[in-house]
Protein backbone atom coordinates (compact mmCIF):
# COMPACT_ATOMS: atom_id res chain seq x y z
CA UNK A 1 -25.99 -45.68 5.30
CA UNK A 2 -25.62 -42.00 5.23
CA UNK A 3 -27.40 -39.27 3.42
CA UNK A 4 -25.59 -37.04 1.40
CA UNK A 5 -26.63 -33.23 2.48
CA UNK A 6 -26.89 -31.43 -1.28
CA UNK A 7 -24.48 -28.53 -0.90
CA UNK A 8 -25.20 -25.08 -2.09
CA UNK A 9 -21.74 -23.49 -2.71
CA UNK A 10 -18.55 -24.67 -3.42
CA UNK A 11 -14.63 -23.39 -3.51
CA UNK A 12 -13.20 -22.77 -7.03
CA UNK A 13 -9.86 -25.20 -5.35
CA UNK A 14 -12.48 -28.39 -4.55
CA UNK A 15 -14.37 -27.23 -8.09
CA UNK A 16 -11.06 -27.22 -10.11
CA UNK A 17 -9.83 -30.42 -8.39
CA UNK A 18 -13.03 -32.30 -9.37
CA UNK A 19 -13.05 -30.87 -12.64
CA UNK A 20 -9.20 -32.01 -13.44
CA UNK A 21 -10.33 -35.35 -12.43
CA UNK A 22 -13.16 -35.94 -14.66
CA UNK A 23 -11.15 -34.51 -17.48
CA UNK A 24 -8.43 -37.10 -16.38
CA UNK A 25 -11.57 -40.19 -16.44
CA UNK A 26 -12.12 -38.51 -20.22
CA UNK A 27 -8.34 -38.86 -21.09
CA UNK A 28 -8.34 -42.76 -19.71
CA UNK A 29 -11.76 -43.75 -21.86
CA UNK A 30 -10.05 -41.79 -24.94
CA UNK A 31 -6.73 -44.05 -24.34
CA UNK A 32 -9.10 -47.30 -24.22
CA UNK A 33 -10.28 -46.47 -27.56
CA UNK A 34 -7.53 -45.36 -29.26
CA UNK A 35 -5.95 -48.74 -28.08
CA UNK A 36 -8.96 -50.33 -29.57
CA UNK A 37 -8.73 -48.41 -33.01
CA UNK A 38 -4.97 -49.08 -33.24
CA UNK A 39 -6.00 -52.87 -32.57
CA UNK A 40 -8.46 -52.84 -35.54
CA UNK A 41 -6.00 -50.92 -37.77
CA UNK A 42 -3.20 -53.32 -36.89
CA UNK A 43 -5.44 -56.66 -37.01
CA UNK A 44 -4.95 -57.67 -40.53
CA UNK A 45 -8.31 -58.11 -42.95
CA UNK A 46 -7.88 -54.90 -45.45
CA UNK A 47 -11.57 -54.31 -44.89
CA UNK A 48 -10.95 -52.88 -41.29
CA UNK A 49 -7.68 -51.00 -42.04
CA UNK A 50 -9.77 -49.79 -44.66
CA UNK A 51 -12.91 -48.46 -42.32
CA UNK A 52 -10.63 -46.50 -39.83
CA UNK A 53 -9.36 -42.90 -41.03
CA UNK A 54 -5.76 -41.92 -40.04
CA UNK A 55 -7.20 -38.51 -39.93
CA UNK A 56 -9.47 -39.57 -37.00
CA UNK A 57 -7.30 -41.87 -35.28
CA UNK A 58 -5.21 -38.37 -35.24
CA UNK A 59 -8.44 -36.74 -33.93
CA UNK A 60 -8.49 -39.08 -31.16
CA UNK A 61 -4.81 -38.58 -30.30
CA UNK A 62 -5.42 -34.33 -30.75
CA UNK A 63 -8.44 -34.51 -28.35
CA UNK A 64 -6.16 -37.13 -25.60
CA UNK A 65 -3.31 -34.09 -25.57
CA UNK A 66 -5.81 -31.45 -25.72
CA UNK A 67 -7.75 -32.70 -22.28
CA UNK A 68 -3.90 -33.70 -20.32
CA UNK A 69 -2.91 -30.14 -21.28
CA UNK A 70 -6.53 -28.86 -19.90
CA UNK A 71 -5.73 -30.76 -16.84
CA UNK A 72 -2.39 -29.39 -16.42
CA UNK A 73 -3.93 -26.11 -16.71
CA UNK A 74 -6.46 -26.80 -13.66
CA UNK A 75 -3.91 -28.62 -11.73
CA UNK A 76 -1.99 -25.29 -11.69
CA UNK A 77 -4.88 -22.80 -11.06
CA UNK A 78 -6.20 -25.34 -8.11
CA UNK A 79 -2.80 -25.08 -6.35
CA UNK A 80 -2.65 -21.22 -6.92
CA UNK A 81 -3.13 -18.75 -4.00
CA UNK A 82 -5.40 -16.93 -6.21
CA UNK A 83 -7.83 -20.01 -6.15
CA UNK A 84 -7.51 -20.58 -2.43
CA UNK A 85 -8.48 -16.90 -1.60
CA UNK A 86 -11.65 -16.77 -4.01
CA UNK A 87 -14.86 -16.33 -2.82
CA UNK A 88 -17.12 -19.77 -3.21
CA UNK A 89 -19.30 -20.27 -5.79
CA UNK A 90 -23.10 -21.36 -5.89
CA UNK A 91 -22.81 -24.75 -7.01
CA UNK A 92 -26.36 -24.93 -9.02
CA UNK A 93 -25.90 -22.74 -11.93
CA UNK A 94 -22.43 -24.15 -12.08
CA UNK A 95 -24.17 -28.04 -12.45
CA UNK A 96 -27.24 -26.79 -13.86
CA UNK A 97 -26.33 -27.25 -17.58
CA UNK A 98 -24.71 -30.54 -17.15
CA UNK A 99 -26.12 -33.08 -19.09
CA UNK A 100 -24.82 -36.50 -17.60
CA UNK A 101 -26.49 -36.97 -14.08
CA UNK A 102 -22.85 -38.81 -12.78
CA UNK A 103 -21.26 -35.82 -13.50
CA UNK A 104 -23.15 -33.43 -11.58
CA UNK A 105 -23.23 -36.08 -8.83
CA UNK A 106 -19.57 -36.25 -8.61
CA UNK A 107 -18.78 -32.45 -9.23
CA UNK A 108 -21.03 -31.74 -6.47
CA UNK A 109 -19.16 -34.06 -4.37
CA UNK A 110 -21.82 -37.08 -3.78
CA UNK A 111 -20.32 -40.44 -2.81
CA UNK A 112 -19.07 -42.60 -5.51
CA UNK A 113 -21.69 -45.35 -6.60
CA UNK A 114 -20.56 -49.42 -5.76
CA UNK A 115 -18.37 -50.68 -8.24
CA UNK A 116 -19.87 -51.66 -11.48
CA UNK A 117 -23.27 -49.42 -10.92
CA UNK A 118 -22.46 -46.45 -12.67
CA UNK A 119 -24.98 -45.57 -15.03
CA UNK A 120 -24.99 -44.36 -18.92
CA UNK A 121 -27.31 -41.25 -19.74
CA UNK A 122 -29.11 -41.41 -22.94
CA UNK A 123 -29.55 -37.96 -24.62
């Protein structure tokens, strides 16, 4: 068993790539929510269809597209010469304000938990 040493600083490229990966995970979650939402919308009973506002469904799609565009920007930034030559960043102030412990852990580069052990932070 290896003990993960806490890191105190991070290079911009690594941080941008980790944030990009997290945004990709958010897109995946939203995609599953959207698919479920559409299944309920088209499932038949009029009450189920009435429960779903089309504007809300559009908002999910808009959020997915926005996340995708932000990821595209981050991917470009992470591969830019400026990012590679940027000074290292102190990690603690970057992560301190994050509410989600799993997100803090992943952005800091700690190893993934065993499959199926991901936790949900309630706040």
